[in-house]
């Protein structure tokens, strides 16, 4: 049995929540081979205006050092698609279009990257963020902690088909952005 920690609103993605009606909200819900354990949803900054609080010191440009994806998997030509960038730029502005799920994220103009160069980021807590660089069929998902002017965490490539999961360690140091007019 696999236990999933999801906010109570996760009930919306299940075909039927009728078994929930007569249950105490603090009790787990059994769904097929999974058990949904109620958990209070964490506060996430709504991307409706510029960031004025949240993850202090994150907005701006960062040089990234990324270790190898583990476990090692032969990706062939797909390796170029999920080549991690050498830098990220966290913007204070809410994202537009499909990036509207968070604040703008991009690869700085002077950093190298595969084709994944734009996306969004969201604060998870005062020191943690999730970030995604994505294209229609592929994404790089970052989970990062900001601590004393450093980024630490990991990145995982995501595919639109079944492939063995991989993860690489990420560290980052803040630097000046090449485009001074953007934060």
N, C-alpha and C. Protein backbone atom coordinates (compact mmCIF):
# COMPACT_ATOMS: atom_id res chain seq x y z
N UNK A 1 0.85 -1.17 0.00
CA UNK A 1 0.00 0.00 0.00
C UNK A 1 0.89 1.23 0.00
N UNK A 2 0.53 2.24 -0.77
CA UNK A 2 1.28 3.48 -0.85
C UNK A 2 0.48 4.57 -0.16
N UNK A 3 1.13 5.37 0.68
CA UNK A 3 0.44 6.44 1.37
C UNK A 3 0.79 7.76 0.70
N UNK A 4 -0.22 8.50 0.32
CA UNK A 4 -0.04 9.78 -0.33
C UNK A 4 -0.47 10.88 0.61
N UNK A 5 0.36 11.90 0.80
CA UNK A 5 -0.03 13.04 1.61
C UNK A 5 -0.49 14.14 0.66
N UNK A 6 -1.77 14.41 0.67
CA UNK A 6 -2.36 15.38 -0.23
C UNK A 6 -3.26 16.31 0.55
N UNK A 7 -3.44 17.55 0.07
CA UNK A 7 -4.44 18.40 0.72
C UNK A 7 -5.83 17.83 0.51
N UNK A 8 -6.76 18.21 1.37
CA UNK A 8 -8.12 17.69 1.25
C UNK A 8 -8.73 17.97 -0.11
N UNK A 9 -8.30 19.02 -0.79
CA UNK A 9 -8.85 19.34 -2.11
C UNK A 9 -8.47 18.28 -3.13
N UNK A 10 -7.56 17.37 -2.81
CA UNK A 10 -7.20 16.30 -3.74
C UNK A 10 -8.39 15.44 -4.06
N UNK A 11 -9.40 15.47 -3.24
CA UNK A 11 -10.61 14.70 -3.47
C UNK A 11 -11.22 15.04 -4.83
N UNK A 12 -10.95 16.22 -5.34
CA UNK A 12 -11.50 16.65 -6.62
C UNK A 12 -10.96 15.84 -7.78
N UNK A 13 -9.77 15.27 -7.66
CA UNK A 13 -9.21 14.52 -8.77
C UNK A 13 -9.62 13.06 -8.76
N UNK A 14 -10.32 12.66 -7.74
CA UNK A 14 -10.79 11.27 -7.66
C UNK A 14 -12.20 11.23 -8.25
N UNK A 15 -12.50 10.15 -8.97
CA UNK A 15 -13.80 10.09 -9.62
C UNK A 15 -14.96 10.20 -8.66
N UNK A 16 -14.84 9.65 -7.49
CA UNK A 16 -15.94 9.72 -6.55
C UNK A 16 -15.42 9.96 -5.15
N UNK A 17 -16.00 10.93 -4.48
CA UNK A 17 -15.62 11.23 -3.11
C UNK A 17 -16.76 10.93 -2.16
N UNK A 18 -17.73 10.17 -2.64
CA UNK A 18 -18.92 9.94 -1.83
C UNK A 18 -18.59 9.20 -0.54
N UNK A 19 -17.56 8.37 -0.51
CA UNK A 19 -17.21 7.66 0.72
C UNK A 19 -16.72 8.63 1.78
N UNK A 20 -16.37 9.84 1.41
CA UNK A 20 -15.86 10.85 2.32
C UNK A 20 -16.97 11.49 3.14
N UNK A 21 -18.20 11.43 2.65
CA UNK A 21 -19.30 12.16 3.28
C UNK A 21 -19.56 11.74 4.72
N UNK A 22 -19.43 10.47 5.02
CA UNK A 22 -19.74 9.99 6.37
C UNK A 22 -18.50 9.71 7.20
N UNK A 23 -17.38 10.25 6.77
CA UNK A 23 -16.13 10.00 7.45
C UNK A 23 -15.63 11.24 8.15
N UNK A 24 -14.93 11.06 9.24
CA UNK A 24 -14.27 12.16 9.93
C UNK A 24 -13.18 12.70 9.00
N UNK A 25 -13.08 14.02 8.87
CA UNK A 25 -12.12 14.62 7.94
C UNK A 25 -10.67 14.31 8.29
N UNK A 26 -10.39 13.89 9.52
CA UNK A 26 -9.02 13.59 9.91
C UNK A 26 -8.64 12.14 9.65
N UNK A 27 -9.59 11.32 9.21
CA UNK A 27 -9.32 9.92 8.96
C UNK A 27 -8.87 9.72 7.52
N UNK A 28 -7.97 8.74 7.29
CA UNK A 28 -7.54 8.45 5.92
C UNK A 28 -8.69 7.94 5.07
N UNK A 29 -8.58 8.11 3.77
CA UNK A 29 -9.56 7.61 2.82
C UNK A 29 -8.88 6.53 1.99
N UNK A 30 -9.51 5.37 1.86
CA UNK A 30 -8.96 4.29 1.07
C UNK A 30 -9.48 4.39 -0.36
N UNK A 31 -8.60 4.41 -1.33
CA UNK A 31 -8.98 4.46 -2.74
C UNK A 31 -8.11 3.44 -3.46
N UNK A 32 -8.71 2.36 -3.95
CA UNK A 32 -7.99 1.26 -4.61
C UNK A 32 -6.80 0.84 -3.74
N UNK A 33 -5.58 0.91 -4.30
CA UNK A 33 -4.39 0.51 -3.56
C UNK A 33 -3.71 1.67 -2.87
N UNK A 34 -4.34 2.83 -2.83
CA UNK A 34 -3.72 4.00 -2.21
C UNK A 34 -4.57 4.47 -1.06
N UNK A 35 -3.95 5.11 -0.14
CA UNK A 35 -4.65 5.69 0.99
C UNK A 35 -4.36 7.18 0.99
N UNK A 36 -5.39 7.99 1.00
CA UNK A 36 -5.20 9.43 1.02
C UNK A 36 -5.33 9.89 2.46
N UNK A 37 -4.26 10.48 2.97
CA UNK A 37 -4.23 10.93 4.34
C UNK A 37 -4.45 12.44 4.35
N UNK A 38 -5.52 12.91 5.00
CA UNK A 38 -5.75 14.36 5.03
C UNK A 38 -4.57 15.09 5.64
N UNK A 39 -4.22 16.21 5.04
CA UNK A 39 -3.12 17.04 5.51
C UNK A 39 -3.46 18.46 5.13
N UNK A 40 -3.23 19.38 6.01
CA UNK A 40 -3.51 20.79 5.69
C UNK A 40 -2.62 21.23 4.55
N UNK A 41 -3.21 21.89 3.58
CA UNK A 41 -2.43 22.39 2.46
C UNK A 41 -1.50 23.51 2.93
N UNK A 42 -0.26 23.50 2.40
CA UNK A 42 0.68 24.54 2.78
C UNK A 42 0.36 25.81 2.01
N UNK A 43 0.62 26.94 2.63
CA UNK A 43 0.35 28.21 1.98
C UNK A 43 1.33 28.42 0.84
N UNK A 44 0.82 28.81 -0.29
CA UNK A 44 1.65 29.13 -1.44
C UNK A 44 1.30 30.54 -1.84
N UNK A 45 2.31 31.35 -2.16
CA UNK A 45 2.07 32.72 -2.55
C UNK A 45 1.29 32.72 -3.86
N UNK A 46 0.17 33.41 -3.90
CA UNK A 46 -0.62 33.50 -5.12
C UNK A 46 0.08 34.44 -6.09
N UNK A 47 0.28 34.03 -7.34
CA UNK A 47 1.00 34.85 -8.30
C UNK A 47 0.12 35.93 -8.93
N UNK A 48 -0.41 36.82 -8.11
CA UNK A 48 -1.28 37.86 -8.63
C UNK A 48 -0.59 39.21 -8.69
N UNK A 49 0.53 39.34 -8.05
CA UNK A 49 1.28 40.60 -8.10
C UNK A 49 2.74 40.28 -7.86
N UNK A 50 3.58 41.31 -7.97
CA UNK A 50 5.00 41.09 -7.75
C UNK A 50 5.26 40.50 -6.38
N UNK A 51 6.31 39.71 -6.28
CA UNK A 51 6.70 39.12 -5.00
C UNK A 51 7.20 40.22 -4.08
N UNK A 52 6.60 40.32 -2.92
CA UNK A 52 7.08 41.29 -1.94
C UNK A 52 7.54 40.60 -0.67
N UNK A 53 7.18 39.35 -0.51
CA UNK A 53 7.66 38.57 0.62
C UNK A 53 7.74 37.12 0.18
N UNK A 54 8.13 36.26 1.05
CA UNK A 54 8.25 34.86 0.69
C UNK A 54 9.69 34.45 0.79
N UNK A 55 10.21 33.89 -0.26
CA UNK A 55 11.57 33.38 -0.24
C UNK A 55 12.52 34.56 -0.42
N UNK A 56 13.03 35.02 0.71
CA UNK A 56 13.90 36.20 0.70
C UNK A 56 15.18 35.93 -0.10
N UNK A 57 15.55 36.87 -0.95
CA UNK A 57 16.80 36.78 -1.68
C UNK A 57 16.81 35.86 -2.87
N UNK A 58 15.69 35.26 -3.24
CA UNK A 58 15.69 34.33 -4.36
C UNK A 58 15.63 35.03 -5.70
N UNK A 59 14.84 36.08 -5.81
CA UNK A 59 14.65 36.76 -7.10
C UNK A 59 15.99 37.26 -7.61
N UNK A 60 16.25 36.96 -8.87
CA UNK A 60 17.51 37.33 -9.51
C UNK A 60 18.09 36.12 -10.23
N UNK A 61 19.38 36.20 -10.54
CA UNK A 61 20.05 35.15 -11.31
C UNK A 61 20.95 34.30 -10.42
N UNK A 62 21.05 33.05 -10.80
CA UNK A 62 21.83 32.07 -10.06
C UNK A 62 22.64 31.22 -11.03
N UNK A 63 23.93 31.02 -10.73
CA UNK A 63 24.75 30.03 -11.44
C UNK A 63 24.47 28.69 -10.79
N UNK A 64 24.28 27.66 -11.61
CA UNK A 64 23.98 26.33 -11.09
C UNK A 64 25.11 25.35 -11.37
N UNK A 65 25.34 24.48 -10.41
CA UNK A 65 26.21 23.33 -10.59
C UNK A 65 25.31 22.13 -10.40
N UNK A 66 25.28 21.27 -11.41
CA UNK A 66 24.37 20.13 -11.38
C UNK A 66 25.16 18.86 -11.57
N UNK A 67 24.95 17.92 -10.67
CA UNK A 67 25.62 16.63 -10.75
C UNK A 67 24.99 15.77 -11.83
N UNK A 68 25.49 14.56 -11.99
CA UNK A 68 24.93 13.66 -13.01
C UNK A 68 23.56 13.14 -12.57
N UNK A 69 22.72 12.83 -13.56
CA UNK A 69 21.45 12.18 -13.26
C UNK A 69 21.74 10.77 -12.78
N UNK A 70 21.07 10.40 -11.69
CA UNK A 70 21.21 9.05 -11.14
C UNK A 70 19.83 8.44 -10.99
N UNK A 71 19.64 7.20 -11.29
CA UNK A 71 20.66 6.31 -11.84
C UNK A 71 20.98 6.70 -13.28
N UNK A 72 22.16 6.29 -13.71
CA UNK A 72 22.57 6.58 -15.09
C UNK A 72 21.69 5.77 -16.04
N UNK A 73 21.08 6.46 -16.99
CA UNK A 73 20.22 5.82 -17.98
C UNK A 73 20.65 6.34 -19.35
N UNK A 74 20.80 5.46 -20.31
CA UNK A 74 21.16 5.88 -21.67
C UNK A 74 19.95 6.53 -22.32
N UNK A 75 20.02 7.85 -22.52
CA UNK A 75 18.88 8.60 -23.08
C UNK A 75 19.02 8.86 -24.57
N UNK A 76 20.18 8.58 -25.12
CA UNK A 76 20.39 8.85 -26.54
C UNK A 76 20.22 10.34 -26.84
N UNK A 77 19.52 10.64 -27.95
CA UNK A 77 19.30 12.03 -28.35
C UNK A 77 18.44 12.79 -27.34
N UNK A 78 17.65 12.08 -26.53
CA UNK A 78 16.81 12.73 -25.53
C UNK A 78 17.63 13.43 -24.44
N UNK A 79 18.90 13.05 -24.30
CA UNK A 79 19.76 13.68 -23.28
C UNK A 79 19.86 15.19 -23.52
N UNK A 80 19.84 15.62 -24.77
CA UNK A 80 19.91 17.06 -25.08
C UNK A 80 18.66 17.79 -24.60
N UNK A 81 17.51 17.11 -24.65
CA UNK A 81 16.25 17.74 -24.27
C UNK A 81 16.23 18.06 -22.78
N UNK A 82 16.79 17.18 -21.96
CA UNK A 82 16.77 17.41 -20.51
C UNK A 82 18.13 17.86 -19.98
N UNK A 83 18.95 18.43 -20.86
CA UNK A 83 20.22 19.00 -20.41
C UNK A 83 19.90 20.15 -19.46
N UNK A 84 20.34 20.07 -18.21
CA UNK A 84 20.01 21.13 -17.26
C UNK A 84 20.75 22.43 -17.59
N UNK A 85 20.15 23.55 -17.27
CA UNK A 85 20.79 24.84 -17.56
C UNK A 85 21.95 25.12 -16.60
N UNK A 86 22.83 26.00 -17.01
CA UNK A 86 23.94 26.42 -16.13
C UNK A 86 23.52 27.58 -15.25
N UNK A 87 22.31 28.06 -15.43
CA UNK A 87 21.81 29.15 -14.59
C UNK A 87 20.30 29.27 -14.67
N UNK A 88 19.72 29.91 -13.65
CA UNK A 88 18.29 30.21 -13.63
C UNK A 88 18.08 31.66 -13.22
N UNK A 89 17.02 32.25 -13.74
CA UNK A 89 16.62 33.60 -13.35
C UNK A 89 15.20 33.53 -12.80
N UNK A 90 15.08 33.83 -11.51
CA UNK A 90 13.80 33.86 -10.82
C UNK A 90 13.27 35.29 -10.89
N UNK A 91 12.12 35.48 -11.55
CA UNK A 91 11.53 36.80 -11.71
C UNK A 91 10.50 37.04 -10.62
N UNK A 92 10.26 38.30 -10.30
CA UNK A 92 9.28 38.66 -9.28
C UNK A 92 7.87 38.78 -9.87
N UNK A 93 7.76 38.79 -11.20
CA UNK A 93 6.47 38.97 -11.85
C UNK A 93 5.74 37.64 -11.99
N UNK A 94 4.41 37.69 -11.85
CA UNK A 94 3.62 36.47 -12.11
C UNK A 94 3.82 36.01 -13.54
N UNK A 95 3.75 34.70 -13.74
CA UNK A 95 3.90 34.16 -15.08
C UNK A 95 2.68 34.48 -15.93
N UNK A 96 2.85 34.36 -17.22
CA UNK A 96 1.75 34.56 -18.16
C UNK A 96 1.51 33.27 -18.90
N UNK A 97 0.42 33.17 -19.61
CA UNK A 97 0.06 31.97 -20.40
C UNK A 97 0.14 30.73 -19.54
N UNK A 98 0.84 29.69 -20.00
CA UNK A 98 0.89 28.44 -19.24
C UNK A 98 1.75 28.57 -17.99
N UNK A 99 2.58 29.61 -17.90
CA UNK A 99 3.40 29.82 -16.71
C UNK A 99 2.61 30.51 -15.59
N UNK A 100 1.31 30.72 -15.80
CA UNK A 100 0.49 31.43 -14.83
C UNK A 100 0.35 30.68 -13.51
N UNK A 101 0.87 29.48 -13.43
CA UNK A 101 0.80 28.70 -12.20
C UNK A 101 1.73 29.26 -11.13
N UNK A 102 2.56 30.20 -11.47
CA UNK A 102 3.52 30.74 -10.50
C UNK A 102 4.14 32.00 -11.03
N UNK A 103 5.36 32.25 -10.59
CA UNK A 103 6.11 33.42 -11.03
C UNK A 103 7.04 33.00 -12.16
N UNK A 104 7.40 33.98 -13.00
CA UNK A 104 8.24 33.69 -14.17
C UNK A 104 9.58 33.08 -13.77
N UNK A 105 10.04 32.14 -14.57
CA UNK A 105 11.34 31.52 -14.44
C UNK A 105 11.93 31.42 -15.83
N UNK A 106 13.21 31.74 -15.97
CA UNK A 106 13.85 31.62 -17.27
C UNK A 106 15.31 31.27 -17.10
N UNK A 107 15.92 30.89 -18.20
CA UNK A 107 17.36 30.67 -18.23
C UNK A 107 17.98 31.99 -18.66
N UNK A 108 18.92 32.56 -17.90
CA UNK A 108 19.54 33.83 -18.29
C UNK A 108 20.15 33.73 -19.69
N UNK A 109 20.19 34.85 -20.38
CA UNK A 109 20.68 34.87 -21.77
C UNK A 109 22.12 34.41 -21.90
N UNK A 110 22.92 34.54 -20.84
CA UNK A 110 24.32 34.13 -20.93
C UNK A 110 24.57 32.72 -20.38
N UNK A 111 23.51 31.97 -20.06
CA UNK A 111 23.64 30.60 -19.56
C UNK A 111 23.34 29.60 -20.67
N UNK A 112 23.92 28.44 -20.58
CA UNK A 112 23.64 27.40 -21.57
C UNK A 112 22.52 26.50 -21.05
N UNK A 113 21.79 25.93 -22.00
CA UNK A 113 20.65 25.09 -21.65
C UNK A 113 20.24 24.28 -22.86
N UNK A 114 19.47 23.23 -22.61
CA UNK A 114 18.81 22.53 -23.69
C UNK A 114 17.64 23.40 -24.15
N UNK A 115 16.65 22.82 -24.80
CA UNK A 115 15.52 23.60 -25.31
C UNK A 115 14.58 24.12 -24.22
N UNK A 116 14.69 23.61 -22.99
CA UNK A 116 13.80 24.05 -21.91
C UNK A 116 14.38 25.32 -21.30
N UNK A 117 13.78 26.49 -21.64
CA UNK A 117 14.34 27.77 -21.21
C UNK A 117 13.37 28.65 -20.45
N UNK A 118 12.09 28.30 -20.40
CA UNK A 118 11.12 29.12 -19.67
C UNK A 118 10.23 28.23 -18.81
N UNK A 119 9.65 28.84 -17.79
CA UNK A 119 8.77 28.10 -16.91
C UNK A 119 8.27 28.97 -15.78
N UNK A 120 8.06 28.35 -14.62
CA UNK A 120 7.54 29.08 -13.48
C UNK A 120 8.14 28.54 -12.20
N UNK A 121 8.03 29.33 -11.14
CA UNK A 121 8.45 28.89 -9.80
C UNK A 121 7.40 29.29 -8.79
N UNK A 122 7.35 28.54 -7.67
CA UNK A 122 6.41 28.82 -6.59
C UNK A 122 7.10 28.64 -5.25
N UNK A 123 6.89 29.57 -4.32
CA UNK A 123 7.37 29.35 -2.96
C UNK A 123 6.55 28.24 -2.31
N UNK A 124 7.20 27.39 -1.55
CA UNK A 124 6.53 26.34 -0.80
C UNK A 124 6.56 26.71 0.68
N UNK A 125 7.63 27.37 1.10
CA UNK A 125 7.78 27.85 2.47
C UNK A 125 8.71 29.05 2.43
N UNK A 126 9.10 29.55 3.58
CA UNK A 126 10.01 30.71 3.64
C UNK A 126 11.39 30.40 3.07
N UNK A 127 11.75 29.13 2.95
CA UNK A 127 13.08 28.80 2.45
C UNK A 127 13.07 27.78 1.32
N UNK A 128 11.90 27.35 0.85
CA UNK A 128 11.85 26.32 -0.19
C UNK A 128 10.98 26.75 -1.36
N UNK A 129 11.40 26.35 -2.56
CA UNK A 129 10.64 26.61 -3.77
C UNK A 129 10.61 25.36 -4.65
N UNK A 130 9.60 25.30 -5.49
CA UNK A 130 9.59 24.35 -6.59
C UNK A 130 9.65 25.18 -7.86
N UNK A 131 10.28 24.63 -8.87
CA UNK A 131 10.43 25.36 -10.14
C UNK A 131 10.35 24.35 -11.27
N UNK A 132 9.87 24.83 -12.42
CA UNK A 132 9.71 23.95 -13.57
C UNK A 132 10.08 24.69 -14.85
N UNK A 133 10.98 24.10 -15.61
CA UNK A 133 11.23 24.53 -16.99
C UNK A 133 10.55 23.48 -17.84
N UNK A 134 9.68 23.90 -18.77
CA UNK A 134 8.88 22.89 -19.45
C UNK A 134 8.64 23.20 -20.92
N UNK A 135 8.36 22.14 -21.65
CA UNK A 135 7.90 22.18 -23.04
C UNK A 135 6.69 21.25 -23.08
N UNK A 136 6.01 21.15 -24.20
CA UNK A 136 4.80 20.34 -24.23
C UNK A 136 4.95 18.89 -23.74
N UNK A 137 6.09 18.24 -23.96
CA UNK A 137 6.19 16.83 -23.63
C UNK A 137 7.25 16.50 -22.58
N UNK A 138 7.97 17.50 -22.11
CA UNK A 138 9.09 17.28 -21.21
C UNK A 138 9.20 18.43 -20.23
N UNK A 139 9.76 18.15 -19.05
CA UNK A 139 9.98 19.21 -18.07
C UNK A 139 11.19 18.86 -17.20
N UNK A 140 11.78 19.90 -16.64
CA UNK A 140 12.78 19.74 -15.59
C UNK A 140 12.13 20.30 -14.33
N UNK A 141 11.97 19.46 -13.32
CA UNK A 141 11.32 19.85 -12.07
C UNK A 141 12.38 20.02 -10.99
N UNK A 142 12.47 21.23 -10.45
CA UNK A 142 13.45 21.55 -9.41
C UNK A 142 12.76 21.62 -8.05
N UNK A 143 13.41 21.12 -7.04
CA UNK A 143 13.00 21.29 -5.65
C UNK A 143 14.22 21.88 -4.95
N UNK A 144 14.09 23.14 -4.49
CA UNK A 144 15.26 23.88 -4.01
C UNK A 144 15.03 24.51 -2.65
N UNK A 145 16.09 24.59 -1.87
CA UNK A 145 16.09 25.28 -0.58
C UNK A 145 17.06 26.44 -0.69
N UNK A 146 16.64 27.61 -0.21
CA UNK A 146 17.48 28.80 -0.19
C UNK A 146 18.02 28.93 1.22
N UNK A 147 19.35 28.95 1.36
CA UNK A 147 19.96 29.04 2.68
C UNK A 147 21.25 29.83 2.60
N UNK A 148 21.31 30.95 3.29
CA UNK A 148 22.52 31.78 3.37
C UNK A 148 23.09 32.11 2.00
N UNK A 149 22.24 32.53 1.09
CA UNK A 149 22.70 32.93 -0.24
C UNK A 149 23.09 31.79 -1.16
N UNK A 150 22.70 30.58 -0.82
CA UNK A 150 22.96 29.42 -1.66
C UNK A 150 21.67 28.68 -1.96
N UNK A 151 21.64 28.04 -3.10
CA UNK A 151 20.54 27.14 -3.46
C UNK A 151 21.05 25.72 -3.32
N UNK A 152 20.23 24.85 -2.78
CA UNK A 152 20.56 23.43 -2.73
C UNK A 152 19.30 22.63 -2.96
N UNK A 153 19.43 21.52 -3.65
CA UNK A 153 18.27 20.68 -3.89
C UNK A 153 18.54 19.67 -4.97
N UNK A 154 17.51 19.42 -5.79
CA UNK A 154 17.66 18.45 -6.87
C UNK A 154 16.78 18.83 -8.06
N UNK A 155 17.07 18.21 -9.19
CA UNK A 155 16.29 18.38 -10.41
C UNK A 155 15.96 16.99 -10.94
N UNK A 156 14.74 16.86 -11.47
CA UNK A 156 14.29 15.60 -12.06
C UNK A 156 13.71 15.86 -13.44
N UNK A 157 14.16 15.12 -14.45
CA UNK A 157 13.50 15.23 -15.76
C UNK A 157 12.15 14.51 -15.70
N UNK A 158 11.16 15.07 -16.36
CA UNK A 158 9.83 14.45 -16.46
C UNK A 158 9.49 14.29 -17.93
N UNK A 159 8.89 13.17 -18.25
CA UNK A 159 8.55 12.83 -19.63
C UNK A 159 7.06 12.58 -19.74
N UNK A 160 6.54 12.61 -20.96
CA UNK A 160 5.12 12.32 -21.17
C UNK A 160 4.90 10.83 -21.46
N UNK A 161 5.89 10.01 -21.18
CA UNK A 161 5.78 8.57 -21.34
C UNK A 161 6.60 7.91 -20.22
N UNK A 162 6.40 6.65 -20.03
CA UNK A 162 7.10 5.95 -18.95
C UNK A 162 8.60 5.88 -19.19
N UNK A 163 9.35 6.33 -18.22
CA UNK A 163 10.81 6.25 -18.27
C UNK A 163 11.30 6.19 -16.84
N UNK A 164 12.38 5.49 -16.60
CA UNK A 164 12.93 5.38 -15.25
C UNK A 164 13.20 6.77 -14.67
N UNK A 165 12.79 6.99 -13.41
CA UNK A 165 13.02 8.28 -12.76
C UNK A 165 14.49 8.48 -12.48
N UNK A 166 14.92 9.73 -12.69
CA UNK A 166 16.30 10.11 -12.41
C UNK A 166 16.30 11.38 -11.59
N UNK A 167 17.41 11.64 -10.93
CA UNK A 167 17.53 12.84 -10.11
C UNK A 167 18.99 13.26 -10.09
N UNK A 168 19.22 14.58 -10.08
CA UNK A 168 20.57 15.11 -9.99
C UNK A 168 20.61 16.17 -8.90
N UNK A 169 21.72 16.22 -8.18
CA UNK A 169 21.91 17.24 -7.13
C UNK A 169 22.16 18.60 -7.78
N UNK A 170 21.63 19.65 -7.14
CA UNK A 170 21.77 21.02 -7.64
C UNK A 170 22.31 21.90 -6.52
N UNK A 171 23.30 22.72 -6.83
CA UNK A 171 23.72 23.80 -5.94
C UNK A 171 23.79 25.06 -6.78
N UNK A 172 23.56 26.20 -6.16
CA UNK A 172 23.57 27.46 -6.90
C UNK A 172 24.11 28.60 -6.07
N UNK A 173 24.74 29.55 -6.76
CA UNK A 173 25.21 30.77 -6.11
C UNK A 173 24.64 31.96 -6.87
N UNK A 174 24.26 32.98 -6.14
CA UNK A 174 23.64 34.16 -6.73
C UNK A 174 24.69 34.99 -7.47
N UNK A 175 24.23 35.63 -8.55
CA UNK A 175 25.11 36.47 -9.35
C UNK A 175 24.30 37.57 -10.00
N UNK A 176 24.97 38.51 -10.63
CA UNK A 176 24.29 39.59 -11.35
C UNK A 176 23.63 39.03 -12.61
N UNK A 177 22.47 39.57 -12.95
CA UNK A 177 21.77 39.15 -14.16
C UNK A 177 22.32 39.90 -15.37
N UNK A 178 22.34 39.26 -16.55
CA UNK A 178 22.83 39.93 -17.75
C UNK A 178 21.91 41.04 -18.23
N UNK A 179 20.60 40.91 -17.98
CA UNK A 179 19.64 41.94 -18.40
C UNK A 179 19.27 42.76 -17.16
N UNK A 180 19.89 43.91 -17.00
CA UNK A 180 19.70 44.71 -15.78
C UNK A 180 18.28 45.20 -15.60
N UNK A 181 17.48 45.31 -16.68
CA UNK A 181 16.12 45.82 -16.57
C UNK A 181 15.13 44.78 -16.02
N UNK A 182 15.54 43.51 -15.92
CA UNK A 182 14.66 42.47 -15.39
C UNK A 182 15.16 42.02 -14.04
N UNK A 183 14.25 41.74 -13.10
CA UNK A 183 14.67 41.30 -11.78
C UNK A 183 14.85 39.82 -11.73
